[in-house]
Amino acid sequence: MEKQDLWKPLTVLIALIVLVPLLVGGFMMMPMGPWMMGGAWGPWWALGMLLLWVLVIAGIGAALVVAVRALPWSKAEDQETPLEILKRRYARGEISREEYERMKAELSS
């Protein structure tokens, strides 16, 4: 993933982390009136808070995953296989054809 591709998901995650608590928090702070649990809201406020925290924790986890995948040492496609290294060494002339064939047979088995 290139740096340019990283901006869009990070922007969405930051927006969710900032906006969801504001939107859900507005419902949580509605006037409760004479009832202890908020009258018509009843137990729904507790489910809203649970949902809020699940979204916050999931957003933080997703941001961490995106950040770790963007690190240069976490890219698996940049790593060479042993056979590719062997082919490169043979192409450079570092090893003879006999050594190449023997090592290739060892890697294949």
PDB file of N, CA and C in Angstrom:
ATOM      1  N   MET A   1       0.852  -1.180   0.000  1.00  0.00           N
ATOM      2  CA  MET A   1       0.000   0.000   0.000  1.00  0.00           C
ATOM      3  C   MET A   1       0.892   1.236   0.000  1.00  0.00           C
ATOM      4  N   GLU A   2       0.681   2.124  -0.969  1.00  0.00           N
ATOM      5  CA  GLU A   2       1.479   3.330  -1.070  1.00  0.00           C
ATOM      6  C   GLU A   2       1.014   4.363  -0.046  1.00  0.00           C
ATOM      7  N   LYS A   3       1.851   5.371   0.156  1.00  0.00           N
ATOM      8  CA  LYS A   3       1.499   6.416   1.117  1.00  0.00           C
ATOM      9  C   LYS A   3       0.240   7.153   0.690  1.00  0.00           C
ATOM     10  N   GLN A   4       0.052   7.340  -0.616  1.00  0.00           N
ATOM     11  CA  GLN A   4      -1.137   8.045  -1.093  1.00  0.00           C
ATOM     12  C   GLN A   4      -2.394   7.237  -0.770  1.00  0.00           C
ATOM     13  N   ASP A   5      -2.311   5.927  -0.881  1.00  0.00           N
ATOM     14  CA  ASP A   5      -3.456   5.072  -0.601  1.00  0.00           C
ATOM     15  C   ASP A   5      -3.799   5.046   0.875  1.00  0.00           C
ATOM     16  N   LEU A   6      -2.866   5.432   1.719  1.00  0.00           N
ATOM     17  CA  LEU A   6      -3.054   5.356   3.163  1.00  0.00           C
ATOM     18  C   LEU A   6      -3.907   6.502   3.698  1.00  0.00           C
ATOM     19  N   TRP A   7      -3.945   7.633   3.025  1.00  0.00           N
ATOM     20  CA  TRP A   7      -4.641   8.802   3.540  1.00  0.00           C
ATOM     21  C   TRP A   7      -6.140   8.605   3.625  1.00  0.00           C
ATOM     22  N   LYS A   8      -6.731   7.968   2.636  1.00  0.00           N
ATOM     23  CA  LYS A   8      -8.182   7.823   2.622  1.00  0.00           C
ATOM     24  C   LYS A   8      -8.678   6.961   3.797  1.00  0.00           C
ATOM     25  N   PRO A   9      -8.124   5.750   4.036  1.00  0.00           N
ATOM     26  CA  PRO A   9      -8.622   4.978   5.182  1.00  0.00           C
ATOM     27  C   PRO A   9      -8.324   5.641   6.519  1.00  0.00           C
ATOM     28  N   LEU A  10      -7.173   6.287   6.634  1.00  0.00           N
ATOM     29  CA  LEU A  10      -6.863   6.958   7.901  1.00  0.00           C
ATOM     30  C   LEU A  10      -7.803   8.128   8.151  1.00  0.00           C
ATOM     31  N   THR A  11      -8.155   8.857   7.119  1.00  0.00           N
ATOM     32  CA  THR A  11      -9.092   9.969   7.274  1.00  0.00           C
ATOM     33  C   THR A  11     -10.461   9.464   7.712  1.00  0.00           C
ATOM     34  N   VAL A  12     -10.908   8.378   7.109  1.00  0.00           N
ATOM     35  CA  VAL A  12     -12.205   7.803   7.488  1.00  0.00           C
ATOM     36  C   VAL A  12     -12.171   7.321   8.931  1.00  0.00           C
ATOM     37  N   LEU A  13     -11.095   6.650   9.330  1.00  0.00           N
ATOM     38  CA  LEU A  13     -10.992   6.153  10.709  1.00  0.00           C
ATOM     39  C   LEU A  13     -10.979   7.296  11.717  1.00  0.00           C
ATOM     40  N   ILE A  14     -10.221   8.329  11.423  1.00  0.00           N
ATOM     41  CA  ILE A  14     -10.164   9.468  12.347  1.00  0.00           C
ATOM     42  C   ILE A  14     -11.534  10.138  12.437  1.00  0.00           C
ATOM     43  N   ALA A  15     -12.207  10.274  11.293  1.00  0.00           N
ATOM     44  CA  ALA A  15     -13.538  10.876  11.303  1.00  0.00           C
ATOM     45  C   ALA A  15     -14.512  10.041  12.128  1.00  0.00           C
ATOM     46  N   LEU A  16     -14.443   8.715  11.982  1.00  0.00           N
ATOM     47  CA  LEU A  16     -15.328   7.853  12.769  1.00  0.00           C
ATOM     48  C   LEU A  16     -15.022   7.948  14.262  1.00  0.00           C
ATOM     49  N   ILE A  17     -13.738   7.960  14.587  1.00  0.00           N
ATOM     50  CA  ILE A  17     -13.357   8.022  15.998  1.00  0.00           C
ATOM     51  C   ILE A  17     -13.801   9.339  16.629  1.00  0.00           C
ATOM     52  N   VAL A  18     -13.804  10.414  15.848  1.00  0.00           N
ATOM     53  CA  VAL A  18     -14.208  11.717  16.385  1.00  0.00           C
ATOM     54  C   VAL A  18     -15.725  11.903  16.335  1.00  0.00           C
ATOM     55  N   LEU A  19     -16.360  11.553  15.210  1.00  0.00           N
ATOM     56  CA  LEU A  19     -17.773  11.863  15.027  1.00  0.00           C
ATOM     57  C   LEU A  19     -18.720  10.915  15.747  1.00  0.00           C
ATOM     58  N   VAL A  20     -18.407   9.622  15.787  1.00  0.00           N
ATOM     59  CA  VAL A  20     -19.330   8.659  16.421  1.00  0.00           C
ATOM     60  C   VAL A  20     -19.551   8.992  17.893  1.00  0.00           C
ATOM     61  N   PRO A  21     -18.504   9.252  18.675  1.00  0.00           N
ATOM     62  CA  PRO A  21     -18.773   9.619  20.073  1.00  0.00           C
ATOM     63  C   PRO A  21     -19.601  10.892  20.205  1.00  0.00           C
ATOM     64  N   LEU A  22     -19.387  11.854  19.314  1.00  0.00           N
ATOM     65  CA  LEU A  22     -20.171  13.090  19.384  1.00  0.00           C
ATOM     66  C   LEU A  22     -21.639  12.826  19.085  1.00  0.00           C
ATOM     67  N   LEU A  23     -21.901  12.019  18.047  1.00  0.00           N
ATOM     68  CA  LEU A  23     -23.289  11.734  17.685  1.00  0.00           C
ATOM     69  C   LEU A  23     -23.986  10.877  18.738  1.00  0.00           C
ATOM     70  N   VAL A  24     -23.321   9.808  19.162  1.00  0.00           N
ATOM     71  CA  VAL A  24     -23.922   8.923  20.152  1.00  0.00           C
ATOM     72  C   VAL A  24     -23.999   9.621  21.504  1.00  0.00           C
ATOM     73  N   GLY A  25     -23.005  10.417  21.823  1.00  0.00           N
ATOM     74  CA  GLY A  25     -22.997  11.138  23.095  1.00  0.00           C
ATOM     75  C   GLY A  25     -24.149  12.112  23.203  1.00  0.00           C
ATOM     76  N   GLY A  26     -24.563  12.677  22.084  1.00  0.00           N
ATOM     77  CA  GLY A  26     -25.708  13.585  22.100  1.00  0.00           C
ATOM     78  C   GLY A  26     -26.980  12.877  22.538  1.00  0.00           C
ATOM     79  N   PHE A  27     -27.163  11.644  22.119  1.00  0.00           N
ATOM     80  CA  PHE A  27     -28.334  10.883  22.545  1.00  0.00           C
ATOM     81  C   PHE A  27     -28.228  10.475  24.010  1.00  0.00           C
ATOM     82  N   MET A  28     -27.008  10.269  24.470  1.00  0.00           N
ATOM     83  CA  MET A  28     -26.818   9.834  25.847  1.00  0.00           C
ATOM     84  C   MET A  28     -27.124  10.957  26.839  1.00  0.00           C
ATOM     85  N   MET A  29     -26.951  12.198  26.412  1.00  0.00           N
ATOM     86  CA  MET A  29     -27.101  13.317  27.327  1.00  0.00           C
ATOM     87  C   MET A  29     -28.466  14.000  27.209  1.00  0.00           C
ATOM     88  N   MET A  30     -29.426  13.340  26.605  1.00  0.00           N
ATOM     89  CA  MET A  30     -30.760  13.942  26.478  1.00  0.00           C
ATOM     90  C   MET A  30     -31.371  14.115  27.872  1.00  0.00           C
ATOM     91  N   PRO A  31     -32.234  15.084  28.038  1.00  0.00           N
ATOM     92  CA  PRO A  31     -32.868  15.286  29.342  1.00  0.00           C
ATOM     93  C   PRO A  31     -33.635  14.036  29.763  1.00  0.00           C
ATOM     94  N   MET A  32     -33.450  13.641  30.995  1.00  0.00           N
ATOM     95  CA  MET A  32     -34.051  12.400  31.461  1.00  0.00           C
ATOM     96  C   MET A  32     -35.403  12.606  32.123  1.00  0.00           C
ATOM     97  N   GLY A  33     -35.696  13.775  32.524  1.00  0.00           N
ATOM     98  CA  GLY A  33     -36.983  13.995  33.157  1.00  0.00           C
ATOM     99  C   GLY A  33     -37.040  13.347  34.541  1.00  0.00           C
ATOM    100  N   PRO A  34     -38.232  13.042  35.012  1.00  0.00           N
ATOM    101  CA  PRO A  34     -38.368  12.517  36.368  1.00  0.00           C
ATOM    102  C   PRO A  34     -37.983  11.038  36.492  1.00  0.00           C
ATOM    103  N   TRP A  35     -37.757  10.344  35.382  1.00  0.00           N
ATOM    104  CA  TRP A  35     -37.443   8.921  35.467  1.00  0.00           C
ATOM    105  C   TRP A  35     -35.945   8.717  35.577  1.00  0.00           C
ATOM    106  N   MET A  36     -35.542   7.755  36.363  1.00  0.00           N
ATOM    107  CA  MET A  36     -34.130   7.534  36.618  1.00  0.00           C
ATOM    108  C   MET A  36     -33.400   7.011  35.377  1.00  0.00           C
ATOM    109  N   MET A  37     -34.040   6.159  34.595  1.00  0.00           N
ATOM    110  CA  MET A  37     -33.369   5.565  33.445  1.00  0.00           C
ATOM    111  C   MET A  37     -33.671   6.321  32.154  1.00  0.00           C
ATOM    112  N   GLY A  38     -34.185   7.523  32.237  1.00  0.00           N
ATOM    113  CA  GLY A  38     -34.394   8.316  31.045  1.00  0.00           C
ATOM    114  C   GLY A  38     -35.752   8.142  30.428  1.00  0.00           C
ATOM    115  N   GLY A  39     -36.683   7.608  31.136  1.00  0.00           N
ATOM    116  CA  GLY A  39     -38.048   7.505  30.632  1.00  0.00           C
ATOM    117  C   GLY A  39     -38.145   6.578  29.446  1.00  0.00           C
ATOM    118  N   ALA A  40     -38.452   7.136  28.298  1.00  0.00           N
ATOM    119  CA  ALA A  40     -38.687   6.344  27.101  1.00  0.00           C
ATOM    120  C   ALA A  40     -37.427   5.637  26.611  1.00  0.00           C
ATOM    121  N   TRP A  41     -36.257   6.147  26.964  1.00  0.00           N
ATOM    122  CA  TRP A  41     -35.021   5.521  26.505  1.00  0.00           C
ATOM    123  C   TRP A  41     -34.775   4.214  27.240  1.00  0.00           C
ATOM    124  N   GLY A  42     -35.187   4.107  28.478  1.00  0.00           N
ATOM    125  CA  GLY A  42     -35.026   2.879  29.256  1.00  0.00           C
ATOM    126  C   GLY A  42     -33.602   2.351  29.205  1.00  0.00           C
ATOM    127  N   PRO A  43     -33.439   1.064  28.961  1.00  0.00           N
ATOM    128  CA  PRO A  43     -32.086   0.475  28.949  1.00  0.00           C
ATOM    129  C   PRO A  43     -31.328   0.745  27.657  1.00  0.00           C
ATOM    130  N   TRP A  44     -31.916   1.425  26.684  1.00  0.00           N
ATOM    131  CA  TRP A  44     -31.254   1.637  25.395  1.00  0.00           C
ATOM    132  C   TRP A  44     -29.989   2.474  25.536  1.00  0.00           C
ATOM    133  N   TRP A  45     -29.923   3.326  26.539  1.00  0.00           N
ATOM    134  CA  TRP A  45     -28.724   4.135  26.697  1.00  0.00           C
ATOM    135  C   TRP A  45     -27.516   3.253  26.973  1.00  0.00           C
ATOM    136  N   ALA A  46     -27.723   2.165  27.730  1.00  0.00           N
ATOM    137  CA  ALA A  46     -26.613   1.257  28.033  1.00  0.00           C
ATOM    138  C   ALA A  46     -26.129   0.557  26.757  1.00  0.00           C
ATOM    139  N   LEU A  47     -27.051   0.162  25.898  1.00  0.00           N
ATOM    140  CA  LEU A  47     -26.653  -0.464  24.635  1.00  0.00           C
ATOM    141  C   LEU A  47     -25.939   0.537  23.735  1.00  0.00           C
ATOM    142  N   GLY A  48     -26.374   1.783  23.774  1.00  0.00           N
ATOM    143  CA  GLY A  48     -25.700   2.820  22.997  1.00  0.00           C
ATOM    144  C   GLY A  48     -24.268   3.033  23.459  1.00  0.00           C
ATOM    145  N   MET A  49     -24.052   3.046  24.762  1.00  0.00           N
ATOM    146  CA  MET A  49     -22.698   3.203  25.290  1.00  0.00           C
ATOM    147  C   MET A  49     -21.836   1.996  24.943  1.00  0.00           C
ATOM    148  N   LEU A  50     -22.413   0.808  25.022  1.00  0.00           N
ATOM    149  CA  LEU A  50     -21.671  -0.397  24.644  1.00  0.00           C
ATOM    150  C   LEU A  50     -21.262  -0.321  23.179  1.00  0.00           C
ATOM    151  N   LEU A  51     -22.193   0.076  22.321  1.00  0.00           N
ATOM    152  CA  LEU A  51     -21.894   0.226  20.897  1.00  0.00           C
ATOM    153  C   LEU A  51     -20.813   1.285  20.685  1.00  0.00           C
ATOM    154  N   LEU A  52     -20.897   2.374  21.411  1.00  0.00           N
ATOM    155  CA  LEU A  52     -19.900   3.429  21.306  1.00  0.00           C
ATOM    156  C   LEU A  52     -18.502   2.891  21.590  1.00  0.00           C
ATOM    157  N   TRP A  53     -18.345   2.172  22.699  1.00  0.00           N
ATOM    158  CA  TRP A  53     -17.027   1.661  23.066  1.00  0.00           C
ATOM    159  C   TRP A  53     -16.540   0.585  22.110  1.00  0.00           C
ATOM    160  N   VAL A  54     -17.446  -0.232  21.603  1.00  0.00           N
ATOM    161  CA  VAL A  54     -17.049  -1.235  20.604  1.00  0.00           C
ATOM    162  C   VAL A  54     -16.516  -0.527  19.357  1.00  0.00           C
ATOM    163  N   LEU A  55     -17.215   0.533  18.916  1.00  0.00           N
ATOM    164  CA  LEU A  55     -16.757   1.272  17.740  1.00  0.00           C
ATOM    165  C   LEU A  55     -15.428   1.977  17.986  1.00  0.00           C
ATOM    166  N   VAL A  56     -15.248   2.553  19.165  1.00  0.00           N
ATOM    167  CA  VAL A  56     -13.989   3.240  19.481  1.00  0.00           C
ATOM    168  C   VAL A  56     -12.834   2.244  19.488  1.00  0.00           C
ATOM    169  N   ILE A  57     -13.012   1.104  20.148  1.00  0.00           N
ATOM    170  CA  ILE A  57     -11.943   0.103  20.226  1.00  0.00           C
ATOM    171  C   ILE A  57     -11.664  -0.494  18.848  1.00  0.00           C
ATOM    172  N   ALA A  58     -12.714  -0.762  18.073  1.00  0.00           N
ATOM    173  CA  ALA A  58     -12.522  -1.288  16.715  1.00  0.00           C
ATOM    174  C   ALA A  58     -11.807  -0.263  15.835  1.00  0.00           C
ATOM    175  N   GLY A  59     -12.143   1.007  15.985  1.00  0.00           N
ATOM    176  CA  GLY A  59     -11.474   2.057  15.215  1.00  0.00           C
ATOM    177  C   GLY A  59     -10.004   2.166  15.546  1.00  0.00           C
ATOM    178  N   ILE A  60      -9.683   2.084  16.826  1.00  0.00           N
ATOM    179  CA  ILE A  60      -8.276   2.123  17.237  1.00  0.00           C
ATOM    180  C   ILE A  60      -7.539   0.904  16.704  1.00  0.00           C
ATOM    181  N   GLY A  61      -8.169  -0.269  16.796  1.00  0.00           N
ATOM    182  CA  GLY A  61      -7.553  -1.493  16.269  1.00  0.00           C
ATOM    183  C   GLY A  61      -7.332  -1.413  14.771  1.00  0.00           C
ATOM    184  N   ALA A  62      -8.316  -0.903  14.038  1.00  0.00           N
ATOM    185  CA  ALA A  62      -8.178  -0.769  12.582  1.00  0.00           C
ATOM    186  C   ALA A  62      -7.070   0.229  12.229  1.00  0.00           C
ATOM    187  N   ALA A  63      -6.976   1.313  12.989  1.00  0.00           N
ATOM    188  CA  ALA A  63      -5.915   2.292  12.742  1.00  0.00           C
ATOM    189  C   ALA A  63      -4.542   1.675  12.979  1.00  0.00           C
ATOM    190  N   LEU A  64      -4.426   0.858  14.014  1.00  0.00           N
ATOM    191  CA  LEU A  64      -3.155   0.178  14.281  1.00  0.00           C
ATOM    192  C   LEU A  64      -2.800  -0.796  13.168  1.00  0.00           C
ATOM    193  N   VAL A  65      -3.783  -1.541  12.675  1.00  0.00           N
ATOM    194  CA  VAL A  65      -3.529  -2.495  11.595  1.00  0.00           C
ATOM    195  C   VAL A  65      -3.053  -1.763  10.344  1.00  0.00           C
ATOM    196  N   VAL A  66      -3.715  -0.659   9.996  1.00  0.00           N
ATOM    197  CA  VAL A  66      -3.313   0.121   8.821  1.00  0.00           C
ATOM    198  C   VAL A  66      -1.907   0.674   9.011  1.00  0.00           C
ATOM    199  N   ALA A  67      -1.607   1.156  10.212  1.00  0.00           N
ATOM    200  CA  ALA A  67      -0.289   1.729  10.470  1.00  0.00           C
ATOM    201  C   ALA A  67       0.808   0.676  10.393  1.00  0.00           C
ATOM    202  N   VAL A  68       0.563  -0.509  10.955  1.00  0.00           N
ATOM    203  CA  VAL A  68       1.577  -1.572  10.935  1.00  0.00           C
ATOM    204  C   VAL A  68       1.804  -2.068   9.511  1.00  0.00           C
ATOM    205  N   ARG A  69       0.732  -2.189   8.728  1.00  0.00           N
ATOM    206  CA  ARG A  69       0.892  -2.646   7.341  1.00  0.00           C
ATOM    207  C   ARG A  69       1.632  -1.628   6.489  1.00  0.00           C
ATOM    208  N   ALA A  70       1.630  -0.377   6.889  1.00  0.00           N
ATOM    209  CA  ALA A  70       2.314   0.662   6.125  1.00  0.00           C
ATOM    210  C   ALA A  70       3.809   0.710   6.421  1.00  0.00           C
ATOM    211  N   LEU A  71       4.249   0.020   7.472  1.00  0.00           N
ATOM    212  CA  LEU A  71       5.664   0.031   7.820  1.00  0.00           C
ATOM    213  C   LEU A  71       6.470  -0.674   6.736  1.00  0.00           C
ATOM    214  N   PRO A  72       7.677  -0.182   6.450  1.00  0.00           N
ATOM    215  CA  PRO A  72       8.448  -0.760   5.346  1.00  0.00           C
ATOM    216  C   PRO A  72       8.866  -2.212   5.565  1.00  0.00           C
ATOM    217  N   TRP A  73       9.113  -2.615   6.787  1.00  0.00           N
ATOM    218  CA  TRP A  73       9.573  -3.988   7.016  1.00  0.00           C
ATOM    219  C   TRP A  73       8.438  -5.003   7.073  1.00  0.00           C
ATOM    220  N   SER A  74       7.193  -4.579   6.965  1.00  0.00           N
ATOM    221  CA  SER A  74       6.081  -5.513   7.023  1.00  0.00           C
ATOM    222  C   SER A  74       5.606  -5.947   5.637  1.00  0.00           C
ATOM    223  N   LYS A  75       6.306  -5.556   4.584  1.00  0.00           N
ATOM    224  CA  LYS A  75       5.908  -5.896   3.231  1.00  0.00           C
ATOM    225  C   LYS A  75       6.499  -7.243   2.830  1.00  0.00           C
ATOM    226  N   ALA A  76       5.634  -8.235   2.685  1.00  0.00           N
ATOM    227  CA  ALA A  76       6.094  -9.585   2.358  1.00  0.00           C
ATOM    228  C   ALA A  76       6.513  -9.707   0.895  1.00  0.00           C
ATOM    229  N   GLU A  77       5.952  -8.865  -0.001  1.00  0.00           N
ATOM    230  CA  GLU A  77       6.266  -9.017  -1.416  1.00  0.00           C
ATOM    231  C   GLU A  77       7.696  -8.607  -1.750  1.00  0.00           C
ATOM    232  N   ASP A  78       8.375  -7.890  -0.850  1.00  0.00           N
ATOM    233  CA  ASP A  78       9.752  -7.476  -1.088  1.00  0.00           C
ATOM    234  C   ASP A  78      10.762  -8.556  -0.752  1.00  0.00           C
ATOM    235  N   GLN A  79      10.360  -9.617  -0.098  1.00  0.00           N
ATOM    236  CA  GLN A  79      11.279 -10.660   0.330  1.00  0.00           C
ATOM    237  C   GLN A  79      11.481 -11.675  -0.785  1.00  0.00           C
ATOM    238  N   GLU A  80      12.740 -12.057  -0.992  1.00  0.00           N
ATOM    239  CA  GLU A  80      13.062 -13.042  -2.021  1.00  0.00           C
ATOM    240  C   GLU A  80      12.954 -14.453  -1.455  1.00  0.00           C
ATOM    241  N   THR A  81      12.556 -15.373  -2.314  1.00  0.00           N
ATOM    242  CA  THR A  81      12.530 -16.779  -1.914  1.00  0.00           C
ATOM    243  C   THR A  81      13.946 -17.338  -2.068  1.00  0.00           C
ATOM    244  N   PRO A  82      14.256 -18.458  -1.408  1.00  0.00           N
ATOM    245  CA  PRO A  82      15.588 -19.059  -1.555  1.00  0.00           C
ATOM    246  C   PRO A  82      15.927 -19.402  -3.015  1.00  0.00           C
ATOM    247  N   LEU A  83      14.920 -19.843  -3.778  1.00  0.00           N
ATOM    248  CA  LEU A  83      15.173 -20.183  -5.179  1.00  0.00           C
ATOM    249  C   LEU A  83      15.526 -18.936  -5.993  1.00  0.00           C
ATOM    250  N   GLU A  84      14.868 -17.802  -5.715  1.00  0.00           N
ATOM    251  CA  GLU A  84      15.203 -16.558  -6.417  1.00  0.00           C
ATOM    252  C   GLU A  84      16.627 -16.110  -6.093  1.00  0.00           C
ATOM    253  N   ILE A  85      17.036 -16.256  -4.841  1.00  0.00           N
ATOM    254  CA  ILE A  85      18.400 -15.900  -4.440  1.00  0.00           C
ATOM    255  C   ILE A  85      19.394 -16.791  -5.154  1.00  0.00           C
ATOM    256  N   LEU A  86      19.076 -18.091  -5.238  1.00  0.00           N
ATOM    257  CA  LEU A  86      19.956 -19.046  -5.921  1.00  0.00           C
ATOM    258  C   LEU A  86      20.092 -18.687  -7.406  1.00  0.00           C
ATOM    259  N   LYS A  87      18.973 -18.352  -8.047  1.00  0.00           N
ATOM    260  CA  LYS A  87      19.011 -17.965  -9.471  1.00  0.00           C
ATOM    261  C   LYS A  87      19.836 -16.701  -9.664  1.00  0.00           C
ATOM    262  N   ARG A  88      19.689 -15.756  -8.766  1.00  0.00           N
ATOM    263  CA  ARG A  88      20.458 -14.514  -8.868  1.00  0.00           C
ATOM    264  C   ARG A  88      21.959 -14.777  -8.712  1.00  0.00           C
ATOM    265  N   ARG A  89      22.316 -15.627  -7.769  1.00  0.00           N
ATOM    266  CA  ARG A  89      23.737 -15.964  -7.565  1.00  0.00           C
ATOM    267  C   ARG A  89      24.317 -16.670  -8.787  1.00  0.00           C
ATOM    268  N   TYR A  90      23.527 -17.560  -9.406  1.00  0.00           N
ATOM    269  CA  TYR A  90      23.994 -18.263 -10.605  1.00  0.00           C
ATOM    270  C   TYR A  90      24.139 -17.279 -11.768  1.00  0.00           C
ATOM    271  N   ALA A  91      23.193 -16.356 -11.897  1.00  0.00           N
ATOM    272  CA  ALA A  91      23.254 -15.367 -12.974  1.00  0.00           C
ATOM    273  C   ALA A  91      24.464 -14.455 -12.818  1.00  0.00           C
ATOM    274  N   ARG A  92      24.855 -14.159 -11.614  1.00  0.00           N
ATOM    275  CA  ARG A  92      26.028 -13.311 -11.373  1.00  0.00           C
ATOM    276  C   ARG A  92      27.341 -14.067 -11.561  1.00  0.00           C
ATOM    277  N   GLY A  93      27.254 -15.391 -11.595  1.00  0.00           N
ATOM    278  CA  GLY A  93      28.467 -16.185 -11.746  1.00  0.00           C
ATOM    279  C   GLY A  93      29.135 -16.521 -10.427  1.00  0.00           C
ATOM    280  N   GLU A  94      28.433 -16.351  -9.330  1.00  0.00           N
ATOM    281  CA  GLU A  94      29.005 -16.649  -8.013  1.00  0.00           C
ATOM    282  C   GLU A  94      29.131 -18.151  -7.781  1.00  0.00           C
ATOM    283  N   ILE A  95      28.258 -18.932  -8.419  1.00  0.00           N
ATOM    284  CA  ILE A  95      28.300 -20.395  -8.272  1.00  0.00           C
ATOM    285  C   ILE A  95      28.298 -21.034  -9.656  1.00  0.00           C
ATOM    286  N   SER A  96      28.845 -22.253  -9.723  1.00  0.00           N
ATOM    287  CA  SER A  96      28.904 -22.974 -10.997  1.00  0.00           C
ATOM    288  C   SER A  96      27.560 -23.640 -11.294  1.00  0.00           C
ATOM    289  N   ARG A  97      27.446 -24.176 -12.528  1.00  0.00           N
ATOM    290  CA  ARG A  97      26.206 -24.843 -12.919  1.00  0.00           C
ATOM    291  C   ARG A  97      25.965 -26.073 -12.044  1.00  0.00           C
ATOM    292  N   GLU A  98      27.023 -26.823 -11.720  1.00  0.00           N
ATOM    293  CA  GLU A  98      26.875 -28.013 -10.877  1.00  0.00           C
ATOM    294  C   GLU A  98      26.364 -27.637  -9.481  1.00  0.00           C
ATOM    295  N   GLU A  99      26.947 -26.571  -8.909  1.00  0.00           N
ATOM    296  CA  GLU A  99      26.492 -26.114  -7.592  1.00  0.00           C
ATOM    297  C   GLU A  99      25.030 -25.650  -7.662  1.00  0.00           C
ATOM    298  N   TYR A 100      24.698 -24.943  -8.750  1.00  0.00           N
ATOM    299  CA  TYR A 100      23.323 -24.463  -8.927  1.00  0.00           C
ATOM    300  C   TYR A 100      22.348 -25.630  -8.987  1.00  0.00           C
ATOM    301  N   GLU A 101      22.649 -26.641  -9.794  1.00  0.00           N
ATOM    302  CA  GLU A 101      21.759 -27.794  -9.935  1.00  0.00           C
ATOM    303  C   GLU A 101      21.625 -28.549  -8.609  1.00  0.00           C
ATOM    304  N   ARG A 102      22.751 -28.735  -7.900  1.00  0.00           N
ATOM    305  CA  ARG A 102      22.718 -29.445  -6.612  1.00  0.00           C
ATOM    306  C   ARG A 102      21.878 -28.690  -5.593  1.00  0.00           C
ATOM    307  N   MET A 103      22.095 -27.376  -5.479  1.00  0.00           N
ATOM    308  CA  MET A 103      21.345 -26.577  -4.510  1.00  0.00           C
ATOM    309  C   MET A 103      19.861 -26.489  -4.889  1.00  0.00           C
ATOM    310  N   LYS A 104      19.584 -26.422  -6.187  1.00  0.00           N
ATOM    311  CA  LYS A 104      18.190 -26.387  -6.630  1.00  0.00           C
ATOM    312  C   LYS A 104      17.475 -27.679  -6.288  1.00  0.00           C
ATOM    313  N   ALA A 105      18.175 -28.815  -6.454  1.00  0.00           N
ATOM    314  CA  ALA A 105      17.586 -30.111  -6.096  1.00  0.00           C
ATOM    315  C   ALA A 105      17.342 -30.200  -4.594  1.00  0.00           C
ATOM    316  N   GLU A 106      18.258 -29.663  -3.792  1.00  0.00           N
ATOM    317  CA  GLU A 106      18.079 -29.664  -2.338  1.00  0.00           C
ATOM    318  C   GLU A 106      16.893 -28.802  -1.923  1.00  0.00           C
ATOM    319  N   LEU A 107      16.724 -27.659  -2.570  1.00  0.00           N
ATOM    320  CA  LEU A 107      15.599 -26.774  -2.244  1.00  0.00           C
ATOM    321  C   LEU A 107      14.269 -27.387  -2.667  1.00  0.00           C
ATOM    322  N   SER A 108      14.269 -28.128  -3.776  1.00  0.00           N
ATOM    323  CA  SER A 108      13.038 -28.733  -4.276  1.00  0.00           C
ATOM    324  C   SER A 108      12.567 -29.890  -3.409  1.00  0.00           C
ATOM    325  N   SER A 109      13.499 -30.570  -2.760  1.00  0.00           N
ATOM    326  CA  SER A 109      13.100 -31.741  -1.949  1.00  0.00           C
ATOM    327  C   SER A 109      12.680 -31.380  -0.557  1.00  0.00           C
TER     328      SER A 109
END
